[in-house]
């Protein structure tokens, strides 16, 4: 209901293409249009099973990155979202994605296959159309086309665009509402972090009631989204998810997750001068070779140095939350504090 009320509130703000461009980019429509140059996308290859994968990215000094960044800060991030959304929004984190499920007995994790590439210009226009009130349909179509020109590549969301996570949240908003409403019937908790959907309950056994999964699959199909069946995961009493362990006591880190953090810190320390000497492309090529257990770099590579910095910042925030909440012995908490200090040193250098 909160989300729907927000949408209606936007009816009071009638945009023209010029007023929107002035509000978001502080310039005219013609100048914004001139800055839309998809040729600025660079690309590099990362190895994967059976060959390689081409990744697109934007440098922070490009006009496209600047347009995307201002759209993100001045418009996309200001939109309201359902409370179940925990990824890529201010005040939320991977910890909050997991924390709501502490104390549950049964768990179900679902992954959406090819999340960003599955979100098309048509879907983006449909969802943004609900947020934008314009003086005429012609103005709205013109504005929607401009936003899609800035945020998409090859008719879908590119992983290398800073706007992609926020737009994916907007496209998913109505689906999140439907899933939340359905879960409330069975007293099931639901949170989403990007393409990860997490469900838990004190009495609902997901594994023995497979019709629940079929219902979620049906809801996702309304946006042409498909499940990645190889990543479906069930748990009872605890769930080990991406190197985090959720139980009725709290959340802690697995040894493999701690190993990933150490790999990241070590790489950051040893390659401080790589960007200055060879440029960001070389840096990204090297970091995407890291043997990380809990980030599939063939599927979710680091596309920008800023993304890598945010990755370290995310780990730092998560470890800080675990220092206060950890149910492990004091030696584990000291270990976390040591890692936090190491991350802070590297974050300071790269920012």
C-alpha atoms as a PDB file:
ATOM      1  CA  UNK A   1       0.000   0.000   0.000  1.00  0.00           C
ATOM      2  CA  UNK A   2       2.843   2.354   0.869  1.00  0.00           C
ATOM      3  CA  UNK A   3       4.312   1.904  -2.630  1.00  0.00           C
ATOM      4  CA  UNK A   4       0.959   2.508  -4.335  1.00  0.00           C
ATOM      5  CA  UNK A   5       0.318   5.666  -2.350  1.00  0.00           C
ATOM      6  CA  UNK A   6       3.728   6.926  -3.414  1.00  0.00           C
ATOM      7  CA  UNK A   7       2.915   6.378  -7.061  1.00  0.00           C
ATOM      8  CA  UNK A   8      -0.262   8.406  -6.766  1.00  0.00           C
ATOM      9  CA  UNK A   9       1.677  11.219  -5.108  1.00  0.00           C
ATOM     10  CA  UNK A  10       3.706  11.658  -8.268  1.00  0.00           C
ATOM     11  CA  UNK A  11       0.608  12.730 -10.165  1.00  0.00           C
ATOM     12  CA  UNK A  12       1.068  16.171  -8.592  1.00  0.00           C
ATOM     13  CA  UNK A  13       4.395  16.632 -10.433  1.00  0.00           C
ATOM     14  CA  UNK A  14       3.771  17.214 -14.125  1.00  0.00           C
ATOM     15  CA  UNK A  15       6.952  17.024 -16.182  1.00  0.00           C
ATOM     16  CA  UNK A  16       7.971  18.242 -19.581  1.00  0.00           C
ATOM     17  CA  UNK A  17      11.120  16.837 -21.141  1.00  0.00           C
ATOM     18  CA  UNK A  18      12.863  20.165 -20.508  1.00  0.00           C
ATOM     19  CA  UNK A  19      11.801  20.472 -16.865  1.00  0.00           C
ATOM     20  CA  UNK A  20      12.942  16.915 -16.142  1.00  0.00           C
ATOM     21  CA  UNK A  21      16.345  17.479 -17.756  1.00  0.00           C
ATOM     22  CA  UNK A  22      16.763  20.709 -15.840  1.00  0.00           C
ATOM     23  CA  UNK A  23      15.810  19.044 -12.539  1.00  0.00           C
ATOM     24  CA  UNK A  24      18.044  15.993 -12.982  1.00  0.00           C
ATOM     25  CA  UNK A  25      21.008  17.186 -15.064  1.00  0.00           C
ATOM     26  CA  UNK A  26      20.701  20.971 -14.709  1.00  0.00           C
ATOM     27  CA  UNK A  27      20.857  21.433 -18.460  1.00  0.00           C
ATOM     28  CA  UNK A  28      18.667  21.298 -21.557  1.00  0.00           C
ATOM     29  CA  UNK A  29      17.258  18.245 -23.307  1.00  0.00           C
ATOM     30  CA  UNK A  30      19.397  18.880 -26.392  1.00  0.00           C
ATOM     31  CA  UNK A  31      22.611  18.887 -24.340  1.00  0.00           C
ATOM     32  CA  UNK A  32      21.614  15.731 -22.478  1.00  0.00           C
ATOM     33  CA  UNK A  33      20.879  14.024 -25.797  1.00  0.00           C
ATOM     34  CA  UNK A  34      24.280  15.039 -27.130  1.00  0.00           C
ATOM     35  CA  UNK A  35      25.901  13.320 -24.152  1.00  0.00           C
ATOM     36  CA  UNK A  36      24.265   9.966 -24.914  1.00  0.00           C
ATOM     37  CA  UNK A  37      27.145   8.146 -26.603  1.00  0.00           C
ATOM     38  CA  UNK A  38      27.009   4.399 -26.131  1.00  0.00           C
ATOM     39  CA  UNK A  39      30.328   4.171 -27.961  1.00  0.00           C
ATOM     40  CA  UNK A  40      31.876   5.199 -24.631  1.00  0.00           C
ATOM     41  CA  UNK A  41      31.254   1.716 -23.273  1.00  0.00           C
ATOM     42  CA  UNK A  42      34.479  -0.221 -23.097  1.00  0.00           C
ATOM     43  CA  UNK A  43      34.700  -3.967 -22.913  1.00  0.00           C
ATOM     44  CA  UNK A  44      36.996  -6.675 -21.650  1.00  0.00           C
ATOM     45  CA  UNK A  45      36.888 -10.439 -21.570  1.00  0.00           C
ATOM     46  CA  UNK A  46      36.912 -12.701 -18.544  1.00  0.00           C
ATOM     47  CA  UNK A  47      37.363 -16.458 -18.713  1.00  0.00           C
ATOM     48  CA  UNK A  48      34.466 -18.815 -18.048  1.00  0.00           C
ATOM     49  CA  UNK A  49      33.759 -22.474 -18.615  1.00  0.00           C
ATOM     50  CA  UNK A  50      33.829 -23.253 -22.318  1.00  0.00           C
ATOM     51  CA  UNK A  51      35.333 -19.935 -23.407  1.00  0.00           C
ATOM     52  CA  UNK A  52      35.121 -16.309 -22.318  1.00  0.00           C
ATOM     53  CA  UNK A  53      32.584 -13.609 -21.580  1.00  0.00           C
ATOM     54  CA  UNK A  54      32.605  -9.987 -22.759  1.00  0.00           C
ATOM     55  CA  UNK A  55      31.873  -7.394 -20.055  1.00  0.00           C
ATOM     56  CA  UNK A  56      30.857  -3.795 -20.820  1.00  0.00           C
ATOM     57  CA  UNK A  57      31.897  -0.927 -18.573  1.00  0.00           C
ATOM     58  CA  UNK A  58      31.973   2.877 -18.418  1.00  0.00           C
ATOM     59  CA  UNK A  59      34.840   5.004 -17.178  1.00  0.00           C
ATOM     60  CA  UNK A  60      33.952   7.595 -14.554  1.00  0.00           C
ATOM     61  CA  UNK A  61      35.298  10.320 -16.842  1.00  0.00           C
ATOM     62  CA  UNK A  62      32.773   9.593 -19.626  1.00  0.00           C
ATOM     63  CA  UNK A  63      29.677  11.669 -20.357  1.00  0.00           C
ATOM     64  CA  UNK A  64      27.487   8.543 -20.162  1.00  0.00           C
ATOM     65  CA  UNK A  65      28.685   7.740 -16.652  1.00  0.00           C
ATOM     66  CA  UNK A  66      28.006  11.332 -15.625  1.00  0.00           C
ATOM     67  CA  UNK A  67      24.461  11.194 -17.032  1.00  0.00           C
ATOM     68  CA  UNK A  68      23.789   7.871 -15.321  1.00  0.00           C
ATOM     69  CA  UNK A  69      25.229   9.011 -12.009  1.00  0.00           C
ATOM     70  CA  UNK A  70      23.082  12.156 -11.868  1.00  0.00           C
ATOM     71  CA  UNK A  71      19.976  10.211 -12.887  1.00  0.00           C
ATOM     72  CA  UNK A  72      20.734   7.731 -10.121  1.00  0.00           C
ATOM     73  CA  UNK A  73      21.284  10.317  -7.386  1.00  0.00           C
ATOM     74  CA  UNK A  74      18.634  12.854  -8.395  1.00  0.00           C
ATOM     75  CA  UNK A  75      15.824  10.523  -9.410  1.00  0.00           C
ATOM     76  CA  UNK A  76      16.198   6.743  -9.203  1.00  0.00           C
ATOM     77  CA  UNK A  77      17.467   6.552  -5.620  1.00  0.00           C
ATOM     78  CA  UNK A  78      14.682   8.861  -4.445  1.00  0.00           C
ATOM     79  CA  UNK A  79      11.923   6.447  -5.427  1.00  0.00           C
ATOM     80  CA  UNK A  80      10.173   4.503  -2.728  1.00  0.00           C
ATOM     81  CA  UNK A  81      10.481   0.718  -2.673  1.00  0.00           C
ATOM     82  CA  UNK A  82       8.764  -2.162  -0.862  1.00  0.00           C
ATOM     83  CA  UNK A  83      10.311  -2.910   2.532  1.00  0.00           C
ATOM     84  CA  UNK A  84      11.397  -6.378   1.395  1.00  0.00           C
ATOM     85  CA  UNK A  85      13.998  -4.848  -0.947  1.00  0.00           C
ATOM     86  CA  UNK A  86      17.392  -4.936   0.763  1.00  0.00           C
ATOM     87  CA  UNK A  87      19.848  -4.528  -2.106  1.00  0.00           C
ATOM     88  CA  UNK A  88      21.128  -1.273  -3.607  1.00  0.00           C
ATOM     89  CA  UNK A  89      19.165   1.104  -1.414  1.00  0.00           C
ATOM     90  CA  UNK A  90      20.254   3.479   1.312  1.00  0.00           C
ATOM     91  CA  UNK A  91      20.115   2.084   4.829  1.00  0.00           C
ATOM     92  CA  UNK A  92      19.964  -1.546   3.703  1.00  0.00           C
ATOM     93  CA  UNK A  93      22.651  -4.172   3.162  1.00  0.00           C
ATOM     94  CA  UNK A  94      23.287  -7.866   2.713  1.00  0.00           C
ATOM     95  CA  UNK A  95      23.152  -8.126   6.482  1.00  0.00           C
ATOM     96  CA  UNK A  96      19.616  -6.730   6.612  1.00  0.00           C
ATOM     97  CA  UNK A  97      18.712  -9.086   3.745  1.00  0.00           C
ATOM     98  CA  UNK A  98      19.632 -11.993   6.025  1.00  0.00           C
ATOM     99  CA  UNK A  99      18.809 -10.565   9.457  1.00  0.00           C
ATOM    100  CA  UNK A 100      15.026 -10.673   9.076  1.00  0.00           C
ATOM    101  CA  UNK A 101      15.238 -14.465   8.855  1.00  0.00           C
ATOM    102  CA  UNK A 102      17.064 -15.026  12.152  1.00  0.00           C
ATOM    103  CA  UNK A 103      15.067 -17.411  14.325  1.00  0.00           C
ATOM    104  CA  UNK A 104      13.319 -19.204  11.468  1.00  0.00           C
ATOM    105  CA  UNK A 105      13.396 -22.982  11.124  1.00  0.00           C
ATOM    106  CA  UNK A 106      12.804 -23.493   7.395  1.00  0.00           C
ATOM    107  CA  UNK A 107      14.569 -21.608   4.605  1.00  0.00           C
ATOM    108  CA  UNK A 108      14.329 -21.299   0.824  1.00  0.00           C
ATOM    109  CA  UNK A 109      16.697 -19.334  -1.397  1.00  0.00           C
ATOM    110  CA  UNK A 110      15.825 -18.646  -5.056  1.00  0.00           C
ATOM    111  CA  UNK A 111      18.064 -17.083  -7.698  1.00  0.00           C
ATOM    112  CA  UNK A 112      16.811 -15.310 -10.827  1.00  0.00           C
ATOM    113  CA  UNK A 113      18.645 -16.412 -13.958  1.00  0.00           C
ATOM    114  CA  UNK A 114      20.453 -13.724 -16.038  1.00  0.00           C
ATOM    115  CA  UNK A 115      18.842 -10.956 -13.995  1.00  0.00           C
ATOM    116  CA  UNK A 116      20.044  -7.738 -15.689  1.00  0.00           C
ATOM    117  CA  UNK A 117      19.984  -9.119 -19.267  1.00  0.00           C
ATOM    118  CA  UNK A 118      16.384 -10.256 -18.664  1.00  0.00           C
ATOM    119  CA  UNK A 119      15.198  -6.694 -17.997  1.00  0.00           C
ATOM    120  CA  UNK A 120      14.358  -5.048 -21.317  1.00  0.00           C
ATOM    121  CA  UNK A 121      13.637  -1.501 -22.464  1.00  0.00           C
ATOM    122  CA  UNK A 122       9.947  -2.365 -22.731  1.00  0.00           C
ATOM    123  CA  UNK A 123       9.799  -3.442 -19.080  1.00  0.00           C
ATOM    124  CA  UNK A 124      11.698  -0.353 -17.967  1.00  0.00           C
ATOM    125  CA  UNK A 125       9.346   1.949 -19.864  1.00  0.00           C
ATOM    126  CA  UNK A 126       6.291   0.202 -18.426  1.00  0.00           C
ATOM    127  CA  UNK A 127       7.465   0.652 -14.835  1.00  0.00           C
ATOM    128  CA  UNK A 128       8.878   4.169 -15.157  1.00  0.00           C
ATOM    129  CA  UNK A 129       5.699   5.249 -16.909  1.00  0.00           C
ATOM    130  CA  UNK A 130       3.922   4.738 -13.579  1.00  0.00           C
ATOM    131  CA  UNK A 131       6.340   7.106 -11.862  1.00  0.00           C
ATOM    132  CA  UNK A 132       6.410   9.913 -14.402  1.00  0.00           C
ATOM    133  CA  UNK A 133       3.484  12.258 -14.859  1.00  0.00           C
ATOM    134  CA  UNK A 134       3.936  14.388 -17.978  1.00  0.00           C
ATOM    135  CA  UNK A 135       1.946  17.078 -19.726  1.00  0.00           C
ATOM    136  CA  UNK A 136       1.214  14.783 -22.653  1.00  0.00           C
ATOM    137  CA  UNK A 137       1.752  11.223 -23.814  1.00  0.00           C
ATOM    138  CA  UNK A 138       4.159  12.544 -26.410  1.00  0.00           C
ATOM    139  CA  UNK A 139       6.294  14.170 -23.711  1.00  0.00           C
ATOM    140  CA  UNK A 140       6.220  10.999 -21.631  1.00  0.00           C
ATOM    141  CA  UNK A 141       7.312   8.793 -24.531  1.00  0.00           C
ATOM    142  CA  UNK A 142      10.117  11.196 -25.316  1.00  0.00           C
ATOM    143  CA  UNK A 143      11.283  11.174 -21.702  1.00  0.00           C
ATOM    144  CA  UNK A 144      11.060   7.398 -21.349  1.00  0.00           C
ATOM    145  CA  UNK A 145      13.110   6.963 -24.519  1.00  0.00           C
ATOM    146  CA  UNK A 146      15.766   9.328 -23.187  1.00  0.00           C
ATOM    147  CA  UNK A 147      16.054   7.451 -19.887  1.00  0.00           C
ATOM    148  CA  UNK A 148      16.309   4.109 -21.683  1.00  0.00           C
ATOM    149  CA  UNK A 149      18.920   5.478 -24.089  1.00  0.00           C
ATOM    150  CA  UNK A 150      21.006   6.484 -21.072  1.00  0.00           C
ATOM    151  CA  UNK A 151      20.565   3.333 -19.004  1.00  0.00           C
ATOM    152  CA  UNK A 152      20.379   0.407 -21.446  1.00  0.00           C
ATOM    153  CA  UNK A 153      22.695  -1.305 -23.894  1.00  0.00           C
ATOM    154  CA  UNK A 154      21.519  -3.741 -26.554  1.00  0.00           C
ATOM    155  CA  UNK A 155      17.904  -3.487 -25.305  1.00  0.00           C
ATOM    156  CA  UNK A 156      18.645  -4.548 -21.714  1.00  0.00           C
ATOM    157  CA  UNK A 157      20.320  -3.457 -18.489  1.00  0.00           C
ATOM    158  CA  UNK A 158      24.115  -3.649 -18.736  1.00  0.00           C
ATOM    159  CA  UNK A 159      26.074  -4.853 -15.732  1.00  0.00           C
ATOM    160  CA  UNK A 160      28.518  -2.008 -16.201  1.00  0.00           C
ATOM    161  CA  UNK A 161      25.973   0.791 -15.646  1.00  0.00           C
ATOM    162  CA  UNK A 162      25.662   2.340 -12.178  1.00  0.00           C
ATOM    163  CA  UNK A 163      21.920   2.795 -12.799  1.00  0.00           C
ATOM    164  CA  UNK A 164      21.165  -0.881 -13.465  1.00  0.00           C
ATOM    165  CA  UNK A 165      20.652  -2.013  -9.836  1.00  0.00           C
ATOM    166  CA  UNK A 166      18.265   0.853  -9.031  1.00  0.00           C
ATOM    167  CA  UNK A 167      16.245   0.356 -12.214  1.00  0.00           C
ATOM    168  CA  UNK A 168      16.011  -3.380 -11.561  1.00  0.00           C
ATOM    169  CA  UNK A 169      14.531  -2.587  -8.144  1.00  0.00           C
ATOM    170  CA  UNK A 170      11.856  -0.408  -9.757  1.00  0.00           C
ATOM    171  CA  UNK A 171      11.026  -3.075 -12.337  1.00  0.00           C
ATOM    172  CA  UNK A 172      10.751  -5.649  -9.540  1.00  0.00           C
ATOM    173  CA  UNK A 173       8.620  -3.476  -7.233  1.00  0.00           C
ATOM    174  CA  UNK A 174       5.211  -4.838  -8.235  1.00  0.00           C
ATOM    175  CA  UNK A 175       6.527  -8.404  -8.195  1.00  0.00           C
ATOM    176  CA  UNK A 176       7.900  -7.810  -4.698  1.00  0.00           C
ATOM    177  CA  UNK A 177       4.479  -6.562  -3.624  1.00  0.00           C
ATOM    178  CA  UNK A 178       2.758  -9.653  -5.028  1.00  0.00           C
ATOM    179  CA  UNK A 179       5.224 -12.049  -3.419  1.00  0.00           C
ATOM    180  CA  UNK A 180       5.012 -10.257  -0.062  1.00  0.00           C
ATOM    181  CA  UNK A 181       1.217 -10.410  -0.093  1.00  0.00           C
ATOM    182  CA  UNK A 182       1.280 -14.112  -0.980  1.00  0.00           C
ATOM    183  CA  UNK A 183       3.808 -14.876   1.773  1.00  0.00           C
ATOM    184  CA  UNK A 184       1.717 -13.099   4.395  1.00  0.00           C
ATOM    185  CA  UNK A 185      -1.025 -15.694   3.915  1.00  0.00           C
ATOM    186  CA  UNK A 186       1.347 -18.421   5.168  1.00  0.00           C
ATOM    187  CA  UNK A 187       3.274 -16.301   7.697  1.00  0.00           C
ATOM    188  CA  UNK A 188       6.424 -16.478   5.571  1.00  0.00           C
ATOM    189  CA  UNK A 189       9.205 -13.890   5.730  1.00  0.00           C
ATOM    190  CA  UNK A 190      10.501 -12.572   2.406  1.00  0.00           C
ATOM    191  CA  UNK A 191      13.443 -10.372   1.452  1.00  0.00           C
ATOM    192  CA  UNK A 192      15.216  -9.711  -1.847  1.00  0.00           C
ATOM    193  CA  UNK A 193      18.776  -8.627  -2.615  1.00  0.00           C
ATOM    194  CA  UNK A 194      19.125  -8.070  -6.383  1.00  0.00           C
ATOM    195  CA  UNK A 195      18.514 -11.498  -7.947  1.00  0.00           C
ATOM    196  CA  UNK A 196      18.534 -13.370  -4.615  1.00  0.00           C
ATOM    197  CA  UNK A 197      15.112 -14.098  -3.083  1.00  0.00           C
ATOM    198  CA  UNK A 198      15.068 -15.441   0.476  1.00  0.00           C
ATOM    199  CA  UNK A 199      12.091 -16.989   2.261  1.00  0.00           C
ATOM    200  CA  UNK A 200      11.849 -18.393   5.782  1.00  0.00           C
ATOM    201  CA  UNK A 201       9.263 -19.621   8.241  1.00  0.00           C
ATOM    202  CA  UNK A 202       8.954 -21.189  11.663  1.00  0.00           C
ATOM    203  CA  UNK A 203       6.526 -23.847  10.468  1.00  0.00           C
ATOM    204  CA  UNK A 204       6.268 -23.852   6.659  1.00  0.00           C
ATOM    205  CA  UNK A 205       8.445 -26.620   5.188  1.00  0.00           C
ATOM    206  CA  UNK A 206       9.307 -25.339   1.696  1.00  0.00           C
ATOM    207  CA  UNK A 207      10.884 -28.591   0.567  1.00  0.00           C
ATOM    208  CA  UNK A 208       7.782 -30.690   1.213  1.00  0.00           C
ATOM    209  CA  UNK A 209       5.417 -28.052  -0.212  1.00  0.00           C
ATOM    210  CA  UNK A 210       6.849 -27.569  -3.694  1.00  0.00           C
ATOM    211  CA  UNK A 211       3.708 -25.809  -4.896  1.00  0.00           C
ATOM    212  CA  UNK A 212       5.047 -22.697  -3.149  1.00  0.00           C
ATOM    213  CA  UNK A 213       8.063 -22.609  -5.464  1.00  0.00           C
ATOM    214  CA  UNK A 214       5.770 -23.060  -8.473  1.00  0.00           C
ATOM    215  CA  UNK A 215       3.715 -20.062  -7.365  1.00  0.00           C
ATOM    216  CA  UNK A 216       6.811 -17.862  -7.037  1.00  0.00           C
ATOM    217  CA  UNK A 217       7.958 -19.039 -10.465  1.00  0.00           C
ATOM    218  CA  UNK A 218       4.563 -18.036 -11.888  1.00  0.00           C
ATOM    219  CA  UNK A 219       4.758 -14.560 -10.334  1.00  0.00           C
ATOM    220  CA  UNK A 220       8.272 -13.996 -11.691  1.00  0.00           C
ATOM    221  CA  UNK A 221       7.178 -15.084 -15.157  1.00  0.00           C
ATOM    222  CA  UNK A 222       4.915 -12.012 -15.342  1.00  0.00           C
ATOM    223  CA  UNK A 223       8.128 -10.057 -16.020  1.00  0.00           C
ATOM    224  CA  UNK A 224       9.651 -12.829 -18.155  1.00  0.00           C
ATOM    225  CA  UNK A 225      12.042 -13.757 -15.350  1.00  0.00           C
ATOM    226  CA  UNK A 226      13.194 -17.338 -14.898  1.00  0.00           C
ATOM    227  CA  UNK A 227      14.591 -19.347 -12.000  1.00  0.00           C
ATOM    228  CA  UNK A 228      18.147 -20.589 -11.881  1.00  0.00           C
ATOM    229  CA  UNK A 229      17.342 -24.095 -10.671  1.00  0.00           C
ATOM    230  CA  UNK A 230      20.989 -24.924  -9.962  1.00  0.00           C
ATOM    231  CA  UNK A 231      21.035 -22.262  -7.228  1.00  0.00           C
ATOM    232  CA  UNK A 232      17.808 -23.163  -5.411  1.00  0.00           C
ATOM    233  CA  UNK A 233      18.699 -23.947  -1.817  1.00  0.00           C
ATOM    234  CA  UNK A 234      16.695 -25.346   1.104  1.00  0.00           C
ATOM    235  CA  UNK A 235      17.642 -25.263   4.774  1.00  0.00           C
ATOM    236  CA  UNK A 236      16.313 -26.511   8.091  1.00  0.00           C
ATOM    237  CA  UNK A 237      17.414 -24.949  11.412  1.00  0.00           C
ATOM    238  CA  UNK A 238      20.158 -23.073   9.557  1.00  0.00           C
ATOM    239  CA  UNK A 239      21.030 -21.960   6.047  1.00  0.00           C
ATOM    240  CA  UNK A 240      24.516 -21.569   4.621  1.00  0.00           C
ATOM    241  CA  UNK A 241      24.184 -18.904   1.940  1.00  0.00           C
ATOM    242  CA  UNK A 242      27.088 -17.396   0.027  1.00  0.00           C
ATOM    243  CA  UNK A 243      29.421 -18.013   2.942  1.00  0.00           C
ATOM    244  CA  UNK A 244      27.063 -16.671   5.605  1.00  0.00           C
ATOM    245  CA  UNK A 245      25.373 -18.914   8.144  1.00  0.00           C
ATOM    246  CA  UNK A 246      21.876 -17.952   9.340  1.00  0.00           C
ATOM    247  CA  UNK A 247      20.431 -19.702  12.385  1.00  0.00           C
ATOM    248  CA  UNK A 248      18.159 -19.003  15.324  1.00  0.00           C
ATOM    249  CA  UNK A 249      21.199 -17.544  17.119  1.00  0.00           C
ATOM    250  CA  UNK A 250      22.235 -15.011  14.519  1.00  0.00           C
ATOM    251  CA  UNK A 251      24.519 -14.649  11.506  1.00  0.00           C
ATOM    252  CA  UNK A 252      28.174 -15.594  11.235  1.00  0.00           C
ATOM    253  CA  UNK A 253      30.751 -16.029   8.496  1.00  0.00           C
ATOM    254  CA  UNK A 254      31.997 -19.313   7.116  1.00  0.00           C
ATOM    255  CA  UNK A 255      35.711 -19.977   6.666  1.00  0.00           C
ATOM    256  CA  UNK A 256      35.357 -19.746   2.898  1.00  0.00           C
ATOM    257  CA  UNK A 257      33.818 -16.270   3.177  1.00  0.00           C
ATOM    258  CA  UNK A 258      36.633 -15.118   5.448  1.00  0.00           C
ATOM    259  CA  UNK A 259      39.061 -16.473   2.850  1.00  0.00           C
ATOM    260  CA  UNK A 260      37.379 -14.342   0.152  1.00  0.00           C
ATOM    261  CA  UNK A 261      37.798 -11.216   2.266  1.00  0.00           C
ATOM    262  CA  UNK A 262      41.483 -11.965   2.765  1.00  0.00           C
ATOM    263  CA  UNK A 263      41.937 -12.476  -0.995  1.00  0.00           C
ATOM    264  CA  UNK A 264      40.349  -9.079  -1.678  1.00  0.00           C
ATOM    265  CA  UNK A 265      42.447  -7.278   0.946  1.00  0.00           C
ATOM    266  CA  UNK A 266      45.643  -8.912  -0.293  1.00  0.00           C
ATOM    267  CA  UNK A 267      44.922  -8.004  -3.923  1.00  0.00           C
ATOM    268  CA  UNK A 268      44.094  -4.403  -3.025  1.00  0.00           C
ATOM    269  CA  UNK A 269      47.325  -4.058  -1.053  1.00  0.00           C
ATOM    270  CA  UNK A 270      49.592  -5.612  -3.698  1.00  0.00           C
ATOM    271  CA  UNK A 271      48.089  -3.780  -6.684  1.00  0.00           C
ATOM    272  CA  UNK A 272      47.782  -0.234  -5.402  1.00  0.00           C
ATOM    273  CA  UNK A 273      49.817   1.224  -8.264  1.00  0.00           C
ATOM    274  CA  UNK A 274      48.320  -0.888 -11.053  1.00  0.00           C
ATOM    275  CA  UNK A 275      45.714   1.730 -11.997  1.00  0.00           C
ATOM    276  CA  UNK A 276      48.248   4.562 -12.218  1.00  0.00           C
ATOM    277  CA  UNK A 277      50.732   2.497 -14.243  1.00  0.00           C
ATOM    278  CA  UNK A 278      48.441   0.601 -16.624  1.00  0.00           C
ATOM    279  CA  UNK A 279      44.928   2.065 -16.241  1.00  0.00           C
ATOM    280  CA  UNK A 280      41.676   0.788 -14.766  1.00  0.00           C
ATOM    281  CA  UNK A 281      41.087  -1.787 -17.522  1.00  0.00           C
ATOM    282  CA  UNK A 282      44.218  -3.728 -16.552  1.00  0.00           C
ATOM    283  CA  UNK A 283      43.254  -3.495 -12.878  1.00  0.00           C
ATOM    284  CA  UNK A 284      39.795  -4.931 -13.606  1.00  0.00           C
ATOM    285  CA  UNK A 285      41.208  -7.724 -15.735  1.00  0.00           C
ATOM    286  CA  UNK A 286      43.463  -8.802 -12.878  1.00  0.00           C
ATOM    287  CA  UNK A 287      40.918  -8.556 -10.079  1.00  0.00           C
ATOM    288  CA  UNK A 288      38.410 -10.594 -12.061  1.00  0.00           C
ATOM    289  CA  UNK A 289      40.901 -13.465 -11.963  1.00  0.00           C
ATOM    290  CA  UNK A 290      40.686 -13.739  -8.163  1.00  0.00           C
ATOM    291  CA  UNK A 291      39.664 -17.201  -6.876  1.00  0.00           C
ATOM    292  CA  UNK A 292      36.646 -15.957  -4.930  1.00  0.00           C
ATOM    293  CA  UNK A 293      34.359 -18.684  -3.624  1.00  0.00           C
ATOM    294  CA  UNK A 294      31.309 -16.512  -3.066  1.00  0.00           C
ATOM    295  CA  UNK A 295      31.271 -14.192  -6.063  1.00  0.00           C
ATOM    296  CA  UNK A 296      31.130 -15.807  -9.470  1.00  0.00           C
ATOM    297  CA  UNK A 297      33.321 -13.382 -11.386  1.00  0.00           C
ATOM    298  CA  UNK A 298      32.284 -14.882 -14.717  1.00  0.00           C
ATOM    299  CA  UNK A 299      28.667 -14.001 -13.903  1.00  0.00           C
ATOM    300  CA  UNK A 300      29.141 -10.919 -11.676  1.00  0.00           C
ATOM    301  CA  UNK A 301      32.540  -9.374 -12.492  1.00  0.00           C
ATOM    302  CA  UNK A 302      33.826  -6.068 -11.195  1.00  0.00           C
ATOM    303  CA  UNK A 303      33.044  -3.657 -14.037  1.00  0.00           C
ATOM    304  CA  UNK A 304      34.525  -0.518 -12.453  1.00  0.00           C
ATOM    305  CA  UNK A 305      37.074   0.334  -9.773  1.00  0.00           C
ATOM    306  CA  UNK A 306      34.276   2.106  -7.913  1.00  0.00           C
ATOM    307  CA  UNK A 307      32.362  -1.176  -7.820  1.00  0.00           C
ATOM    308  CA  UNK A 308      35.385  -2.852  -6.215  1.00  0.00           C
ATOM    309  CA  UNK A 309      35.609  -0.072  -3.623  1.00  0.00           C
ATOM    310  CA  UNK A 310      31.914  -0.504  -2.837  1.00  0.00           C
ATOM    311  CA  UNK A 311      32.516  -4.234  -2.494  1.00  0.00           C
ATOM    312  CA  UNK A 312      35.150  -3.581   0.179  1.00  0.00           C
ATOM    313  CA  UNK A 313      32.893  -1.022   1.875  1.00  0.00           C
ATOM    314  CA  UNK A 314      30.085  -3.565   1.951  1.00  0.00           C
ATOM    315  CA  UNK A 315      32.311  -6.116   3.636  1.00  0.00           C
ATOM    316  CA  UNK A 316      33.452  -3.512   6.158  1.00  0.00           C
ATOM    317  CA  UNK A 317      29.864  -2.578   7.066  1.00  0.00           C
ATOM    318  CA  UNK A 318      28.886  -6.224   7.356  1.00  0.00           C
ATOM    319  CA  UNK A 319      31.840  -7.117   9.583  1.00  0.00           C
ATOM    320  CA  UNK A 320      31.106  -4.148  11.847  1.00  0.00           C
ATOM    321  CA  UNK A 321      27.544  -5.399  12.299  1.00  0.00           C
ATOM    322  CA  UNK A 322      28.855  -8.872  13.152  1.00  0.00           C
ATOM    323  CA  UNK A 323      31.214  -7.560  15.829  1.00  0.00           C
ATOM    324  CA  UNK A 324      28.200  -6.446  17.845  1.00  0.00           C
ATOM    325  CA  UNK A 325      25.925  -9.363  16.979  1.00  0.00           C
ATOM    326  CA  UNK A 326      28.367 -12.282  16.758  1.00  0.00           C
ATOM    327  CA  UNK A 327      27.650 -15.229  19.000  1.00  0.00           C
ATOM    328  CA  UNK A 328      31.153 -16.616  18.416  1.00  0.00           C
ATOM    329  CA  UNK A 329      33.831 -16.439  21.102  1.00  0.00           C
ATOM    330  CA  UNK A 330      35.925 -13.328  21.661  1.00  0.00           C
ATOM    331  CA  UNK A 331      38.774 -14.569  19.442  1.00  0.00           C
ATOM    332  CA  UNK A 332      36.407 -14.541  16.460  1.00  0.00           C
ATOM    333  CA  UNK A 333      35.346 -10.982  17.215  1.00  0.00           C
ATOM    334  CA  UNK A 334      39.012  -9.939  17.380  1.00  0.00           C
ATOM    335  CA  UNK A 335      39.537 -11.598  14.023  1.00  0.00           C
ATOM    336  CA  UNK A 336      36.678  -9.549  12.582  1.00  0.00           C
ATOM    337  CA  UNK A 337      38.077  -6.321  14.027  1.00  0.00           C
ATOM    338  CA  UNK A 338      41.468  -7.078  12.461  1.00  0.00           C
ATOM    339  CA  UNK A 339      39.851  -7.580   9.041  1.00  0.00           C
ATOM    340  CA  UNK A 340      37.860  -4.366   9.448  1.00  0.00           C
ATOM    341  CA  UNK A 341      41.061  -2.379  10.025  1.00  0.00           C
ATOM    342  CA  UNK A 342      42.689  -3.962   6.963  1.00  0.00           C
ATOM    343  CA  UNK A 343      39.676  -3.131   4.791  1.00  0.00           C
ATOM    344  CA  UNK A 344      39.606   0.450   6.061  1.00  0.00           C
ATOM    345  CA  UNK A 345      43.272   0.884   5.117  1.00  0.00           C
ATOM    346  CA  UNK A 346      42.632  -0.234   1.534  1.00  0.00           C
ATOM    347  CA  UNK A 347      39.385   1.730   1.178  1.00  0.00           C
ATOM    348  CA  UNK A 348      41.202   4.892   2.284  1.00  0.00           C
ATOM    349  CA  UNK A 349      43.907   4.358  -0.337  1.00  0.00           C
ATOM    350  CA  UNK A 350      41.479   3.777  -3.214  1.00  0.00           C
ATOM    351  CA  UNK A 351      39.140   6.700  -2.424  1.00  0.00           C
END
